C-alpha cells in the first residue's frame, strides 16, 4: 500500500521549471513532460500554498555548451564549485521557451520566482546558487510564511529538484517528492543517482493520490 501523507498548514508546493523549453517542442524535451500538468494543477488546488520557480537565463549563460568552443550539451567541465553540466541553450529570458507552460493554472500560484539571471552563475536549485553562497531569496520567503515542509514537483528530478531538496534539508525543511509529478532526463544514470541521494537525505517519496486533506 502506498504511503499516505497528511496535508498540513505548513506545507508548500514548489514546482520547478514548468517552462515550454522542457516540453515536447522545447530545446530540452523531458520524456513524459506533458503528463504532469494535470497532476500539478490538482496539487495546486489541494495544498495551502504554491510557488513556481522558473529559469530565466541571459544569452551566453555559463551553463550553456555554446559558451565553450568545441563543447557539447551534457558534457561536464570543472568549475569553482565542482563539476558543471553543460546544457543546450534553454529558458532564455523573454523568449517563448522560458514562458510557463500554458496549461498550468496560475490562479493558485502564490508567487513566481525567476533564477539563473546572472550570466556567470549557475542556479540549479530553487533555493541556492551552485556556488553554495548566493541565495535566491526563496528561503527568506518560506521562513516568513512559516513553511516547514516542501512538496516538490516539476523538472528536472535528477538536477534541479535533487539540488533543491538537498538545500532544503540543509536549511531544516522537510522534503516530499511527489513521484508522479516529477520527471527527469536520466543522463548517464542521473535518475538512479538522484533517487539514491534523496533517500540518503531523508526526503520522502509519495504519489499525489496518497495526499490526505485535513
Protein backbone atom coordinates (compact mmCIF):
# COMPACT_ATOMS: atom_id res chain seq x y z
CA UNK A 1 0.00 0.00 0.00
CA UNK A 2 1.32 3.46 -0.93
CA UNK A 3 2.48 5.71 1.88
CA UNK A 4 -0.16 8.26 2.92
CA UNK A 5 0.69 11.90 3.62
CA UNK A 6 -1.49 14.25 5.65
CA UNK A 7 -1.54 17.75 4.19
CA UNK A 8 -0.97 20.39 6.86
CA UNK A 9 -0.84 24.15 7.22
CA UNK A 10 2.96 24.48 6.96
CA UNK A 11 3.10 22.75 3.57
CA UNK A 12 4.03 24.44 0.29
CA UNK A 13 4.07 23.03 -3.23
CA UNK A 14 7.23 24.15 -5.01
CA UNK A 15 7.01 23.40 -8.74
CA UNK A 16 10.21 23.83 -10.73
CA UNK A 17 10.82 24.75 -14.36
CA UNK A 18 7.40 24.03 -15.88
CA UNK A 19 8.52 26.00 -18.91
CA UNK A 20 7.99 25.47 -22.61
CA UNK A 21 11.60 24.52 -23.32
CA UNK A 22 11.22 21.36 -21.20
CA UNK A 23 8.10 20.17 -23.01
CA UNK A 24 7.92 18.21 -26.27
CA UNK A 25 8.57 21.15 -28.63
CA UNK A 26 11.27 22.73 -26.49
CA UNK A 27 15.05 22.75 -26.69
CA UNK A 28 15.42 20.17 -23.86
CA UNK A 29 12.32 17.97 -24.12
CA UNK A 30 11.76 15.90 -21.00
CA UNK A 31 10.19 12.45 -21.51
CA UNK A 32 6.61 12.44 -20.24
CA UNK A 33 6.60 16.17 -19.54
CA UNK A 34 3.00 16.81 -20.62
CA UNK A 35 1.62 14.11 -18.34
CA UNK A 36 2.42 16.00 -15.15
CA UNK A 37 0.50 19.19 -15.99
CA UNK A 38 -2.92 17.97 -14.72
CA UNK A 39 -1.26 16.46 -11.65
CA UNK A 40 0.44 19.75 -10.78
CA UNK A 41 -2.86 21.61 -11.23
CA UNK A 42 -4.57 19.16 -8.90
CA UNK A 43 -1.82 19.63 -6.31
CA UNK A 44 -2.16 23.41 -6.54
CA UNK A 45 -5.85 23.01 -5.69
CA UNK A 46 -5.12 20.73 -2.75
CA UNK A 47 -2.24 22.44 -1.00
CA UNK A 48 -2.44 25.64 1.06
CA UNK A 49 0.32 27.38 -0.89
CA UNK A 50 2.02 27.05 -4.27
CA UNK A 51 5.17 28.67 -5.66
CA UNK A 52 6.69 28.28 -9.11
CA UNK A 53 10.45 28.64 -9.70
CA UNK A 54 11.50 29.38 -13.28
CA UNK A 55 14.86 29.56 -15.01
CA UNK A 56 15.44 32.91 -16.70
CA UNK A 57 18.78 32.82 -18.47
CA UNK A 58 20.57 35.59 -20.35
CA UNK A 59 22.28 34.73 -23.63
CA UNK A 60 25.79 33.38 -23.14
CA UNK A 61 24.96 31.85 -19.77
CA UNK A 62 27.85 29.93 -18.23
CA UNK A 63 25.86 26.67 -18.19
CA UNK A 64 25.37 26.64 -21.98
CA UNK A 65 27.63 24.40 -24.06
CA UNK A 66 27.61 27.08 -26.76
CA UNK A 67 29.58 29.31 -24.37
CA UNK A 68 32.58 26.96 -24.67
CA UNK A 69 34.04 26.35 -28.15
CA UNK A 70 34.13 22.67 -29.02
CA UNK A 71 31.89 21.59 -26.12
CA UNK A 72 28.58 19.79 -26.48
CA UNK A 73 25.44 19.57 -24.32
CA UNK A 74 25.61 17.05 -21.44
CA UNK A 75 29.40 17.19 -21.26
CA UNK A 76 30.82 18.22 -17.91
CA UNK A 77 33.56 20.72 -17.20
CA UNK A 78 35.38 21.61 -13.96
CA UNK A 79 34.22 24.76 -12.19
CA UNK A 80 34.96 26.52 -8.89
CA UNK A 81 32.02 24.67 -7.29
CA UNK A 82 32.71 21.21 -8.75
CA UNK A 83 31.68 19.55 -12.00
CA UNK A 84 29.42 21.67 -14.20
CA UNK A 85 26.98 20.03 -16.60
CA UNK A 86 26.68 21.87 -19.91
CA UNK A 87 23.26 22.37 -21.47
CA UNK A 88 21.59 23.25 -24.73
CA UNK A 89 20.51 26.89 -24.69
CA UNK A 90 17.18 27.00 -22.86
CA UNK A 91 14.81 29.28 -20.96
CA UNK A 92 16.24 32.47 -22.46
CA UNK A 93 14.80 35.50 -20.69
CA UNK A 94 11.84 36.98 -22.51
CA UNK A 95 11.66 34.21 -25.12
CA UNK A 96 8.78 31.80 -25.64
CA UNK A 97 10.80 28.83 -24.36
CA UNK A 98 11.15 30.47 -20.94
CA UNK A 99 7.43 31.06 -20.53
CA UNK A 100 5.41 28.88 -18.21
CA UNK A 101 3.50 26.07 -19.91
CA UNK A 102 0.06 27.48 -20.79
CA UNK A 103 -1.72 24.53 -19.21
CA UNK A 104 -0.65 25.45 -15.67
CA UNK A 105 -3.44 27.01 -13.58
CA UNK A 106 -1.83 30.22 -12.35
CA UNK A 107 -4.80 31.24 -10.17
CA UNK A 108 -3.49 29.09 -7.31
CA UNK A 109 0.15 30.17 -7.54
CA UNK A 110 1.21 32.46 -4.70
CA UNK A 111 4.47 33.58 -6.30
CA UNK A 112 6.55 33.06 -9.44
CA UNK A 113 10.28 33.34 -8.83
CA UNK A 114 12.97 33.59 -11.53
CA UNK A 115 16.52 32.35 -11.10
CA UNK A 116 19.70 31.95 -13.15
CA UNK A 117 19.57 35.57 -14.26
CA UNK A 118 23.32 36.20 -13.90
CA UNK A 119 25.38 35.05 -16.89
CA UNK A 120 28.27 33.74 -14.83
CA UNK A 121 26.35 31.97 -12.06
CA UNK A 122 24.52 28.68 -12.48
CA UNK A 123 21.49 28.15 -10.27
CA UNK A 124 20.19 24.58 -10.34
CA UNK A 125 18.39 24.74 -7.00
CA UNK A 126 15.38 26.96 -6.37
CA UNK A 127 16.97 27.95 -3.06
CA UNK A 128 20.69 28.48 -3.62
CA UNK A 129 23.10 29.08 -6.49
CA UNK A 130 25.58 26.33 -7.34
CA UNK A 131 28.35 28.30 -5.60
CA UNK A 132 26.68 27.39 -2.27
CA UNK A 133 26.82 31.01 -1.12
CA UNK A 134 24.33 33.00 -3.16
CA UNK A 135 20.70 32.58 -2.07
CA UNK A 136 17.81 33.02 -4.49
CA UNK A 137 15.68 34.71 -1.82
CA UNK A 138 13.15 31.90 -1.61
CA UNK A 139 14.36 30.64 1.78
CA UNK A 140 13.55 34.01 3.35
CA UNK A 141 10.11 33.90 1.80
CA UNK A 142 9.48 30.42 3.19
CA UNK A 143 10.67 31.40 6.66
CA UNK A 144 8.44 34.48 6.72
CA UNK A 145 5.42 32.34 5.87
CA UNK A 146 6.33 29.65 8.41
CA UNK A 147 6.66 26.92 5.77
CA UNK A 148 8.02 23.75 7.34
CA UNK A 149 7.66 21.21 4.54
CA UNK A 150 8.25 21.45 0.79
CA UNK A 151 6.40 19.20 -1.63
CA UNK A 152 8.41 19.19 -4.85
CA UNK A 153 7.11 18.77 -8.39
CA UNK A 154 8.24 19.59 -11.94
CA UNK A 155 11.62 19.29 -13.72
CA UNK A 156 14.34 18.06 -13.55
CA UNK A 157 14.29 15.43 -10.83
CA UNK A 158 17.88 14.46 -11.47
CA UNK A 159 19.24 18.01 -11.41
CA UNK A 160 17.16 20.98 -10.21
CA UNK A 161 14.78 19.05 -7.94
CA UNK A 162 17.57 17.00 -6.38
CA UNK A 163 19.62 20.16 -5.72
CA UNK A 164 16.58 21.96 -4.26
CA UNK A 165 15.84 19.04 -1.93
CA UNK A 166 19.44 18.99 -0.71
CA UNK A 167 19.43 22.72 0.03
CA UNK A 168 16.03 22.47 1.73
CA UNK A 169 17.22 19.71 4.05
CA UNK A 170 20.35 21.70 4.91
CA UNK A 171 18.03 24.52 5.92
CA UNK A 172 15.99 22.29 8.21
CA UNK A 173 12.94 21.87 5.99
CA UNK A 174 11.15 18.59 5.47
CA UNK A 175 11.03 17.46 1.85
CA UNK A 176 8.50 15.35 0.00
CA UNK A 177 8.90 14.33 -3.65
CA UNK A 178 5.57 13.88 -5.43
CA UNK A 179 6.71 10.96 -7.55
CA UNK A 180 4.08 11.13 -10.30
CA UNK A 181 4.52 14.92 -10.60
CA UNK A 182 8.26 14.92 -11.38
CA UNK A 183 10.20 13.98 -14.49
CA UNK A 184 13.89 13.82 -15.35
CA UNK A 185 16.32 13.28 -18.20
CA UNK A 186 18.44 10.38 -16.96
CA UNK A 187 21.81 11.47 -18.29
CA UNK A 188 24.32 8.66 -17.67
CA UNK A 189 22.31 7.17 -14.80
CA UNK A 190 21.43 10.53 -13.20
CA UNK A 191 17.90 9.47 -12.23
CA UNK A 192 19.05 6.48 -10.19
CA UNK A 193 21.71 8.63 -8.54
CA UNK A 194 19.09 11.28 -7.72
CA UNK A 195 16.71 8.84 -6.06
CA UNK A 196 19.59 7.42 -4.01
CA UNK A 197 20.65 10.90 -2.91
CA UNK A 198 17.09 11.86 -2.00
CA UNK A 199 16.72 8.75 0.14
CA UNK A 200 20.03 9.45 1.88
CA UNK A 201 18.99 12.97 2.89
CA UNK A 202 15.64 11.79 4.25
CA UNK A 203 13.32 13.10 1.53
CA UNK A 204 10.01 11.25 1.49
CA UNK A 205 8.57 9.91 -1.74
CA UNK A 206 4.80 9.69 -2.28
CA UNK A 207 2.25 9.61 -5.08
CA UNK A 208 -0.16 12.53 -5.47
CA UNK A 209 -3.15 10.25 -4.85
CA UNK A 210 -1.71 9.46 -1.41
CA UNK A 211 -2.18 13.01 -0.10
CA UNK A 212 -4.87 13.35 2.57
CA UNK A 213 -6.56 16.69 3.18
CA UNK A 214 -7.25 17.78 6.76
